[in-house]
Amino acid sequence: MNLKLKIWRQKGPKAEGKMVEYPVNDVSPDMSFLEMLDVLNDHLVEKGDEPVAFEHDCREGICGSCSLYINGEPHGPGRGITTCQLHMRSFKEGETVYIEPWRAKAFPIIKDLVTDRSAFDRIVQSGGFISVNTGSPVDANAIPIRKESADEAFDAATCIGCGACVASCKNASAMLFVSAKVSHLSLLPQGQPQAKERVLAMVAQMDAEGFGNCTNTQACEVECPKGISIEHIARMNREYLGAAISYSPPKATVGGD
């Protein structure tokens, strides 16, 4: 299979970028998309050219670091997959394939196809954790949890933070990501003591990072490789409204003697 690649090249965060065309020949339909990029980079290095910078790690659809915008779609054609799970049989002989990084103010480009998604890390650090002392470990069945709640929490926890929701949204909204992180903790008893504090802190950090607002186009749900439902956004909005009305932060106390 012979293809024509048009890849975004950018030397640094403040440098001007442009699309550069590269032909690739004898591509096996059984190659993954990242393997095809590895082959391209081998050819570039052999010619003395600089290879294309792109991110990857597990190559099993678990870590989300391989995120690319391919032919106008996050993670390319297909549903429920990441870029590393995309195979070249999804493309046709002689096709022109456009490859770009995520496009969002909160995801600045580092180099070529690599973007800085540390904004997601800061959102999680602001409240996506449990710090309440729950005591010593107890038997797994000691705290009754409704199966429906456990299933929903598990579904939300499958979010890998790839950023496809942001890349697919016309507003570059991170609501699906944040709502998944809020849901998978607030649905379980261990996360409920800090639920109000958590949702307020994470939404505030999301806004501070420069992500846009949700306008319910549902593109995020369609492009999410883990199929996270926008129902989590509705739940987060309800929790946020309730917390904004009723939550009072604990008052600082001054030590006595």
Protein backbone atom coordinates (compact mmCIF):
# COMPACT_ATOMS: atom_id res chain seq x y z
CA MET A 1 0.00 0.00 0.00
CA ASN A 2 1.33 3.42 -1.02
CA LEU A 3 0.15 6.54 0.81
CA LYS A 4 0.75 10.26 0.87
CA LEU A 5 1.09 11.73 4.37
CA LYS A 6 0.58 15.39 5.16
CA ILE A 7 1.99 15.92 8.66
CA TRP A 8 2.05 19.01 10.86
CA ARG A 9 5.66 19.99 11.58
CA GLN A 10 6.50 22.57 14.23
CA LYS A 11 9.93 22.94 15.80
CA GLY A 12 8.77 24.38 19.11
CA PRO A 13 5.90 25.98 21.03
CA LYS A 14 6.55 29.46 19.63
CA ALA A 15 7.69 28.44 16.15
CA GLU A 16 5.47 28.62 13.09
CA GLY A 17 4.15 25.28 11.94
CA LYS A 18 3.18 23.95 8.54
CA MET A 19 1.94 20.80 6.80
CA VAL A 20 4.74 18.82 5.16
CA GLU A 21 4.10 16.06 2.62
CA TYR A 22 5.78 12.66 2.89
CA PRO A 23 5.21 9.65 0.62
CA VAL A 24 5.30 6.21 2.24
CA ASN A 25 5.48 3.04 0.19
CA ASP A 26 4.96 -0.67 0.76
CA VAL A 27 2.86 -0.13 3.89
CA SER A 28 1.40 -3.38 5.19
CA PRO A 29 -2.36 -3.25 5.89
CA ASP A 30 -1.60 -5.13 9.12
CA MET A 31 0.64 -2.36 10.46
CA SER A 32 -0.69 -0.16 13.22
CA PHE A 33 -0.73 3.57 12.53
CA LEU A 34 2.18 4.14 14.90
CA GLU A 35 4.22 1.39 13.25
CA MET A 36 3.69 3.18 9.95
CA LEU A 37 5.01 6.39 11.53
CA ASP A 38 8.01 4.42 12.85
CA VAL A 39 8.75 3.27 9.29
CA LEU A 40 8.49 6.87 8.03
CA ASN A 41 10.87 8.07 10.74
CA ASP A 42 13.38 5.32 9.89
CA HIS A 43 13.42 6.55 6.29
CA LEU A 44 13.80 10.18 7.42
CA VAL A 45 16.72 9.32 9.70
CA GLU A 46 18.40 7.34 6.91
CA LYS A 47 18.20 10.43 4.69
CA GLY A 48 19.56 12.66 7.46
CA ASP A 49 16.24 14.43 8.03
CA GLU A 50 14.69 15.09 11.43
CA PRO A 51 12.10 12.45 12.41
CA VAL A 52 8.52 13.38 13.21
CA ALA A 53 7.95 13.81 16.94
CA PHE A 54 4.90 11.99 18.28
CA GLU A 55 3.93 10.48 21.63
CA HIS A 56 3.30 6.84 22.50
CA ASP A 57 3.75 4.45 25.38
CA CYS A 58 1.67 1.32 25.93
CA ARG A 59 0.46 0.87 22.33
CA GLU A 60 -2.45 -1.09 23.78
CA GLY A 61 -5.12 1.61 24.06
CA ILE A 62 -4.58 2.07 27.79
CA CYS A 63 -2.48 5.19 28.35
CA GLY A 64 -3.93 7.66 25.81
CA SER A 65 -0.57 9.24 25.03
CA CYS A 66 -0.68 8.37 21.30
CA SER A 67 -3.40 10.94 20.62
CA LEU A 68 -3.41 12.26 17.04
CA TYR A 69 -5.89 14.09 14.81
CA ILE A 70 -6.17 11.98 11.65
CA ASN A 71 -8.17 13.10 8.63
CA GLY A 72 -10.16 15.48 10.80
CA GLU A 73 -11.01 12.94 13.51
CA PRO A 74 -9.45 12.36 16.94
CA HIS A 75 -7.71 8.96 16.81
CA GLY A 76 -8.74 8.63 13.16
CA PRO A 77 -11.53 6.57 11.58
CA GLY A 78 -13.23 3.96 13.68
CA ARG A 79 -14.91 4.12 17.05
CA GLY A 80 -13.81 2.95 20.46
CA ILE A 81 -10.10 2.90 19.59
CA THR A 82 -7.01 4.99 20.20
CA THR A 83 -4.47 5.90 17.53
CA CYS A 84 -2.22 2.98 18.46
CA GLN A 85 -5.12 0.57 17.85
CA LEU A 86 -5.80 1.97 14.38
CA HIS A 87 -4.53 -0.25 11.56
CA MET A 88 -3.52 0.75 8.07
CA ARG A 89 -6.23 -1.44 6.52
CA SER A 90 -8.55 1.44 7.46
CA PHE A 91 -7.03 3.43 4.56
CA LYS A 92 -7.10 2.99 0.81
CA GLU A 93 -4.32 2.63 -1.73
CA GLY A 94 -3.01 6.04 -2.77
CA GLU A 95 -5.00 7.90 -0.09
CA THR A 96 -3.79 11.22 1.32
CA VAL A 97 -3.74 11.09 5.12
CA TYR A 98 -3.68 14.31 7.15
CA ILE A 99 -2.01 14.02 10.59
CA GLU A 100 -2.19 16.84 13.13
CA PRO A 101 -1.82 17.37 16.89
CA TRP A 102 -4.71 18.19 19.21
CA ARG A 103 -5.91 21.75 18.64
CA ALA A 104 -6.79 23.50 21.91
CA LYS A 105 -5.56 26.55 23.79
CA ALA A 106 -5.14 24.43 26.91
CA PHE A 107 -3.05 21.85 24.97
CA PRO A 108 -0.11 23.90 23.60
CA ILE A 109 2.06 22.20 21.00
CA ILE A 110 5.50 21.16 22.23
CA LYS A 111 6.86 19.87 18.93
CA ASP A 112 5.29 18.47 15.75
CA LEU A 113 2.49 16.16 16.92
CA VAL A 114 3.30 16.35 20.65
CA THR A 115 1.07 18.51 22.84
CA ASP A 116 1.31 19.48 26.50
CA ARG A 117 -1.69 17.91 28.25
CA SER A 118 -0.51 18.62 31.78
CA ALA A 119 -3.67 20.72 32.23
CA PHE A 120 -5.46 17.41 32.83
CA ASP A 121 -2.93 16.54 35.55
CA ARG A 122 -3.53 19.84 37.32
CA ILE A 123 -7.30 19.29 37.23
CA VAL A 124 -6.89 15.88 38.86
CA GLN A 125 -4.44 17.31 41.41
CA SER A 126 -6.99 19.95 42.38
CA GLY A 127 -9.52 17.41 43.63
CA GLY A 128 -9.48 14.05 41.87
CA PHE A 129 -8.43 12.07 44.91
CA ILE A 130 -9.65 10.82 48.29
CA SER A 131 -7.81 12.10 51.38
CA VAL A 132 -10.35 11.21 54.05
CA ASN A 133 -8.96 8.73 56.58
CA THR A 134 -11.03 5.60 56.01
CA GLY A 135 -9.27 3.52 58.64
CA SER A 136 -7.75 0.09 58.25
CA PRO A 137 -8.68 -2.15 55.30
CA VAL A 138 -12.03 -3.88 55.61
CA ASP A 139 -13.59 -6.84 53.86
CA ALA A 140 -14.62 -6.11 50.29
CA ASN A 141 -18.30 -6.65 51.06
CA ALA A 142 -18.37 -4.66 54.32
CA ILE A 143 -19.65 -1.47 52.61
CA PRO A 144 -22.81 -2.18 50.57
CA ILE A 145 -22.69 -0.54 47.13
CA ARG A 146 -25.50 -0.73 44.61
CA LYS A 147 -24.43 -2.67 41.53
CA GLU A 148 -25.71 0.12 39.28
CA SER A 149 -23.53 2.66 41.12
CA ALA A 150 -20.49 0.37 41.02
CA ASP A 151 -20.96 -0.23 37.29
CA GLU A 152 -21.31 3.50 36.57
CA ALA A 153 -18.26 4.31 38.66
CA PHE A 154 -16.23 1.68 36.84
CA ASP A 155 -17.38 2.97 33.43
CA ALA A 156 -16.34 6.51 34.38
CA ALA A 157 -12.98 5.28 35.71
CA THR A 158 -12.10 3.81 32.30
CA CYS A 159 -11.30 7.34 31.07
CA ILE A 160 -7.64 7.38 30.01
CA GLY A 161 -7.29 11.16 29.76
CA CYS A 162 -6.28 11.12 26.10
CA GLY A 163 -8.00 14.44 25.35
CA ALA A 164 -10.10 13.27 22.39
CA CYS A 165 -13.11 14.91 24.02
CA VAL A 166 -11.32 18.26 23.96
CA ALA A 167 -10.05 17.81 20.41
CA SER A 168 -13.49 16.89 19.06
CA CYS A 169 -15.36 19.73 20.78
CA LYS A 170 -15.84 22.97 18.85
CA ASN A 171 -15.34 24.78 22.18
CA ALA A 172 -12.36 22.67 23.31
CA SER A 173 -14.36 21.69 26.40
CA ALA A 174 -12.96 19.26 28.96
CA MET A 175 -16.32 18.58 30.57
CA LEU A 176 -16.40 14.88 29.65
CA PHE A 177 -12.97 14.26 31.16
CA VAL A 178 -13.69 16.22 34.35
CA SER A 179 -17.15 14.70 34.79
CA ALA A 180 -15.73 11.19 34.46
CA LYS A 181 -13.17 11.91 37.17
CA VAL A 182 -15.84 13.44 39.40
CA SER A 183 -18.29 10.56 38.84
CA HIS A 184 -16.01 7.63 39.50
CA LEU A 185 -15.30 8.96 43.00
CA SER A 186 -18.63 10.53 43.96
CA LEU A 187 -20.59 7.39 43.04
CA LEU A 188 -18.72 5.36 45.68
CA PRO A 189 -19.05 5.77 49.46
CA GLN A 190 -15.33 6.46 49.92
CA GLY A 191 -15.52 9.54 47.71
CA GLN A 192 -18.71 11.08 49.04
CA PRO A 193 -17.33 12.94 52.11
CA GLN A 194 -15.33 15.25 49.79
CA ALA A 195 -17.77 15.24 46.86
CA LYS A 196 -18.82 18.90 47.11
CA GLU A 197 -15.30 20.19 47.68
CA ARG A 198 -14.05 18.03 44.82
CA VAL A 199 -16.48 19.15 42.13
CA LEU A 200 -16.02 22.83 42.98
CA ALA A 201 -12.23 22.57 42.91
CA MET A 202 -12.01 20.56 39.68
CA VAL A 203 -14.43 22.75 37.74
CA ALA A 204 -12.60 25.88 38.94
CA GLN A 205 -9.28 24.43 37.77
CA MET A 206 -10.80 23.40 34.43
CA ASP A 207 -11.92 26.98 33.86
CA ALA A 208 -8.54 28.36 34.95
CA GLU A 209 -6.79 26.15 32.37
CA GLY A 210 -8.72 27.81 29.55
CA PHE A 211 -11.00 25.00 28.40
CA GLY A 212 -14.26 26.02 26.75
CA ASN A 213 -17.85 25.40 27.83
CA CYS A 214 -20.03 22.44 26.89
CA THR A 215 -22.83 23.09 24.38
CA ASN A 216 -24.08 19.48 24.21
CA THR A 217 -23.06 18.66 20.63
CA GLN A 218 -22.11 15.18 21.93
CA ALA A 219 -19.02 14.99 19.71
CA CYS A 220 -16.97 14.11 22.80
CA GLU A 221 -19.01 10.98 23.49
CA VAL A 222 -18.78 9.89 19.84
CA GLU A 223 -15.00 10.25 19.68
CA CYS A 224 -14.16 8.97 23.18
CA PRO A 225 -12.15 5.74 22.74
CA LYS A 226 -13.63 4.37 25.99
CA GLY A 227 -17.23 5.35 25.27
CA ILE A 228 -17.65 7.64 28.28
CA SER A 229 -21.27 8.84 28.34
CA ILE A 230 -22.28 12.51 28.51
CA GLU A 231 -24.63 11.44 31.30
CA HIS A 232 -21.63 12.07 33.54
CA ILE A 233 -21.64 15.72 32.46
CA ALA A 234 -25.28 16.02 33.55
CA ARG A 235 -24.41 14.44 36.91
CA MET A 236 -21.46 16.78 37.40
CA ASN A 237 -23.62 19.81 36.62
CA ARG A 238 -26.15 18.72 39.25
CA GLU A 239 -23.42 18.10 41.81
CA TYR A 240 -21.76 21.42 41.03
CA LEU A 241 -24.99 23.38 41.40
CA GLY A 242 -25.80 21.67 44.69
CA ALA A 243 -22.28 22.21 46.02
CA ALA A 244 -22.22 25.87 44.95
CA ILE A 245 -25.42 26.49 46.91
CA SER A 246 -24.73 24.51 50.07
CA TYR A 247 -20.98 23.98 50.52
CA SER A 248 -19.17 25.99 53.16
CA PRO A 249 -15.40 25.44 53.39
CA PRO A 250 -14.15 24.43 56.85
CA LYS A 251 -13.06 27.36 59.01
CA ALA A 252 -9.42 27.58 59.99
CA THR A 253 -8.75 27.12 63.68
CA VAL A 254 -6.00 28.77 65.67
CA GLY A 255 -3.99 26.63 68.03
CA GLY A 256 -4.61 27.22 71.76
CA ASP A 257 -1.92 26.63 74.29
